[in-house]
N, C-alpha and C. Protein backbone atom coordinates (compact mmCIF):
# COMPACT_ATOMS: atom_id res chain seq x y z
N MET A 1 12.32 -5.54 -18.75
CA MET A 1 10.91 -7.57 -19.42
C MET A 1 10.56 -7.32 -20.52
N ALA A 2 11.40 -8.26 -21.44
CA ALA A 2 11.02 -7.76 -23.08
C ALA A 2 9.93 -9.18 -22.55
N MET A 3 8.32 -8.56 -23.29
CA MET A 3 7.67 -8.46 -23.21
C MET A 3 6.94 -9.47 -24.76
N THR A 4 6.14 -10.69 -24.46
CA THR A 4 5.37 -10.97 -25.49
C THR A 4 4.33 -11.81 -24.96
N MET A 5 3.23 -11.25 -26.03
CA MET A 5 2.16 -11.76 -25.91
C MET A 5 1.74 -13.26 -26.69
N ALA A 6 1.80 -14.47 -25.95
CA ALA A 6 1.76 -15.71 -26.40
C ALA A 6 0.26 -15.67 -26.23
N ARG A 7 -0.59 -15.20 -25.63
CA ARG A 7 -1.76 -15.59 -25.63
C ARG A 7 -2.46 -14.18 -25.41
N GLU A 8 -4.04 -14.22 -25.62
CA GLU A 8 -3.81 -13.15 -24.52
C GLU A 8 -4.85 -13.24 -23.01
N ILE A 9 -4.87 -11.92 -22.91
CA ILE A 9 -4.57 -12.14 -21.38
C ILE A 9 -5.97 -11.48 -21.09
N VAL A 10 -6.60 -11.54 -20.62
CA VAL A 10 -8.23 -11.55 -19.77
C VAL A 10 -8.42 -10.84 -18.22
N PHE A 11 -9.09 -9.85 -18.40
CA PHE A 11 -9.20 -9.71 -16.70
C PHE A 11 -10.74 -9.58 -16.92
N GLY A 12 -11.50 -10.50 -16.01
CA GLY A 12 -12.95 -10.35 -15.81
C GLY A 12 -13.57 -10.44 -17.15
N ASN A 13 -14.51 -10.22 -17.84
CA ASN A 13 -15.20 -10.18 -18.93
C ASN A 13 -14.58 -9.23 -20.50
N HIS A 14 -13.41 -8.81 -19.74
CA HIS A 14 -12.60 -7.82 -20.96
C HIS A 14 -11.03 -8.41 -21.21
N ILE A 15 -10.72 -8.19 -22.70
CA ILE A 15 -9.80 -8.64 -23.24
C ILE A 15 -9.21 -7.44 -23.51
N ILE A 16 -7.91 -7.27 -22.20
CA ILE A 16 -6.90 -5.86 -22.18
C ILE A 16 -5.49 -6.27 -23.14
N PRO A 17 -5.98 -5.16 -24.33
CA PRO A 17 -5.32 -4.92 -24.60
C PRO A 17 -3.33 -5.34 -24.62
N GLN A 18 -2.67 -5.49 -25.39
CA GLN A 18 -1.13 -5.38 -25.00
C GLN A 18 -0.44 -4.21 -24.96
N THR A 19 -1.44 -3.03 -25.06
CA THR A 19 0.06 -1.34 -24.88
C THR A 19 -0.52 -1.19 -23.65
N GLN A 20 -1.62 -1.90 -22.49
CA GLN A 20 -2.14 -1.57 -20.78
C GLN A 20 -1.36 -2.79 -20.29
N VAL A 21 -1.16 -3.83 -20.74
CA VAL A 21 -0.20 -4.54 -19.71
C VAL A 21 1.40 -4.59 -19.78
N PHE A 22 2.45 -4.54 -18.73
CA PHE A 22 3.39 -4.16 -19.00
C PHE A 22 4.63 -5.11 -17.81
N PHE A 23 3.68 -5.65 -18.14
CA PHE A 23 5.03 -6.79 -17.05
C PHE A 23 3.51 -8.46 -16.61
N ILE A 24 4.48 -9.13 -17.64
CA ILE A 24 4.17 -10.26 -17.35
C ILE A 24 4.74 -11.48 -16.71
N ARG A 25 4.31 -12.27 -15.50
CA ARG A 25 4.89 -14.08 -15.27
C ARG A 25 4.35 -14.73 -16.29
N LYS A 26 4.43 -16.03 -15.16
CA LYS A 26 4.32 -17.00 -15.74
C LYS A 26 2.71 -17.28 -14.78
N ASN A 27 2.20 -16.94 -13.92
CA ASN A 27 0.94 -16.76 -13.48
C ASN A 27 -0.06 -15.49 -13.37
N SER A 28 1.29 -14.57 -13.31
CA SER A 28 0.81 -13.39 -13.20
C SER A 28 0.64 -12.08 -14.58
N PHE A 29 0.51 -10.71 -13.59
CA PHE A 29 0.67 -9.92 -15.09
C PHE A 29 -0.17 -8.64 -13.66
N ALA A 30 1.01 -7.31 -14.81
CA ALA A 30 0.59 -5.84 -14.35
C ALA A 30 0.10 -5.18 -15.50
N MET A 31 -1.17 -4.48 -14.81
CA MET A 31 -1.25 -3.57 -16.11
C MET A 31 -1.71 -2.42 -15.67
N VAL A 32 -2.12 -1.24 -16.56
CA VAL A 32 -2.51 0.61 -16.26
C VAL A 32 -3.47 -0.15 -15.81
N ASN A 33 -4.16 1.04 -14.77
CA ASN A 33 -5.28 1.27 -14.28
C ASN A 33 -6.08 2.46 -14.88
N HIS A 34 -7.03 2.56 -15.83
CA HIS A 34 -6.89 3.72 -16.63
C HIS A 34 -8.23 4.44 -15.51
N LYS A 35 -8.53 4.01 -14.50
CA LYS A 35 -9.51 5.03 -13.44
C LYS A 35 -8.62 4.67 -12.14
N PRO A 36 -7.60 5.20 -11.70
CA PRO A 36 -6.34 5.24 -10.79
C PRO A 36 -7.02 5.90 -9.13
N PHE A 37 -7.21 4.56 -8.20
CA PHE A 37 -7.41 5.60 -7.20
C PHE A 37 -6.92 6.60 -7.12
N THR A 38 -5.05 6.72 -7.11
CA THR A 38 -3.59 7.62 -6.62
C THR A 38 -3.32 7.38 -7.67
N PRO A 39 -2.29 8.59 -8.75
CA PRO A 39 -1.68 8.56 -8.96
C PRO A 39 -0.41 7.51 -9.92
N GLY A 40 -0.42 6.53 -10.71
CA GLY A 40 1.05 5.84 -10.18
C GLY A 40 0.07 4.35 -10.30
N HIS A 41 -1.25 4.30 -9.52
CA HIS A 41 -2.04 2.69 -9.21
C HIS A 41 -1.71 2.03 -10.53
N VAL A 42 -1.63 1.03 -10.24
CA VAL A 42 -2.17 -0.15 -11.45
C VAL A 42 -2.42 -1.31 -11.26
N LEU A 43 -2.74 -1.96 -11.74
CA LEU A 43 -3.71 -3.60 -11.03
C LEU A 43 -2.42 -5.20 -11.23
N VAL A 44 -2.67 -5.19 -9.93
CA VAL A 44 -1.47 -6.99 -10.45
C VAL A 44 -2.82 -8.05 -10.26
N CYS A 45 -2.82 -8.87 -11.53
CA CYS A 45 -3.62 -10.07 -10.98
C CYS A 45 -3.55 -11.16 -11.50
N THR A 46 -3.95 -12.14 -11.50
CA THR A 46 -3.74 -13.92 -10.97
C THR A 46 -4.11 -13.63 -12.94
N LYS A 47 -3.66 -14.68 -13.71
CA LYS A 47 -3.66 -14.96 -14.97
C LYS A 47 -4.93 -15.99 -14.74
N ARG A 48 -5.14 -17.33 -13.68
CA ARG A 48 -5.71 -17.95 -13.68
C ARG A 48 -7.15 -17.07 -12.67
N LYS A 49 -8.49 -17.15 -13.43
CA LYS A 49 -9.11 -16.51 -12.73
C LYS A 49 -10.30 -17.89 -11.15
N VAL A 50 -10.08 -16.60 -10.27
CA VAL A 50 -11.02 -18.11 -8.60
C VAL A 50 -11.74 -17.14 -8.33
N ALA A 51 -12.33 -17.82 -7.38
CA ALA A 51 -13.29 -16.76 -6.85
C ALA A 51 -12.89 -15.75 -5.46
N LYS A 52 -11.88 -17.12 -4.48
CA LYS A 52 -11.19 -16.57 -4.03
C LYS A 52 -10.29 -16.23 -3.73
N PHE A 53 -9.11 -15.50 -3.19
CA PHE A 53 -7.74 -14.95 -2.75
C PHE A 53 -7.28 -16.58 -2.25
N GLN A 54 -7.49 -17.44 -1.34
CA GLN A 54 -7.19 -18.26 -0.92
C GLN A 54 -7.60 -19.94 -1.28
N ASP A 55 -7.93 -19.67 -2.98
CA ASP A 55 -8.55 -21.11 -4.37
C ASP A 55 -6.87 -20.46 -5.10
N LEU A 56 -6.06 -19.72 -4.82
CA LEU A 56 -5.07 -19.68 -5.76
C LEU A 56 -4.00 -21.04 -5.23
N THR A 57 -3.26 -21.29 -6.13
CA THR A 57 -2.22 -22.65 -5.11
C THR A 57 -1.09 -22.48 -4.89
N GLU A 58 -0.25 -22.88 -4.13
CA GLU A 58 0.22 -21.47 -3.73
C GLU A 58 1.66 -20.67 -4.30
N ILE A 59 1.65 -21.76 -5.67
CA ILE A 59 2.95 -21.36 -6.51
C ILE A 59 1.87 -19.46 -7.35
N GLU A 60 0.90 -19.93 -7.58
CA GLU A 60 -0.05 -18.65 -7.76
C GLU A 60 -0.17 -17.79 -7.14
N ALA A 61 0.16 -18.13 -5.89
CA ALA A 61 0.54 -17.17 -5.04
C ALA A 61 1.31 -16.02 -4.72
N VAL A 62 2.17 -17.40 -4.63
CA VAL A 62 3.94 -16.57 -4.28
C VAL A 62 4.64 -15.22 -5.71
N ASP A 63 3.97 -16.02 -7.53
CA ASP A 63 4.48 -15.52 -8.36
C ASP A 63 3.31 -14.23 -8.70
N LEU A 64 2.14 -14.17 -7.80
CA LEU A 64 1.27 -12.59 -7.68
C LEU A 64 2.14 -11.69 -6.71
N PHE A 65 2.53 -12.05 -5.79
CA PHE A 65 3.14 -11.32 -5.10
C PHE A 65 4.47 -11.11 -5.38
N MET A 66 4.78 -11.73 -6.09
CA MET A 66 6.76 -11.59 -6.64
C MET A 66 6.28 -10.11 -7.83
N THR A 67 5.60 -10.29 -8.08
CA THR A 67 5.14 -9.22 -9.53
C THR A 67 4.50 -7.96 -9.26
N ALA A 68 4.05 -7.75 -7.75
CA ALA A 68 3.62 -7.06 -7.04
C ALA A 68 4.51 -6.41 -6.60
N ARG A 69 5.90 -6.91 -5.99
CA ARG A 69 7.26 -6.86 -5.56
C ARG A 69 7.53 -6.14 -7.03
C-alpha cells in the first residue's frame, strides 16, 4: 500500500514519525512498537481518540479490525 501522510499521526501525546507508521486506513493505522512484547509486535490504533473501545463508531471499529487483520 502506498502511504501518504496527509496530516500528522498522533498517539496519545506523541506525534508519530512517518518512519514508524507502515499502514494507514481512513480511521486507523499500524505502527512499529519500539519496545515490543515479542519480536514483530506492532500497535494498531484508531485515529480518533476515545476513552473506551465501545466509544468507537461501528465504522471505526470495523476499520480497526480490518487494519489488524
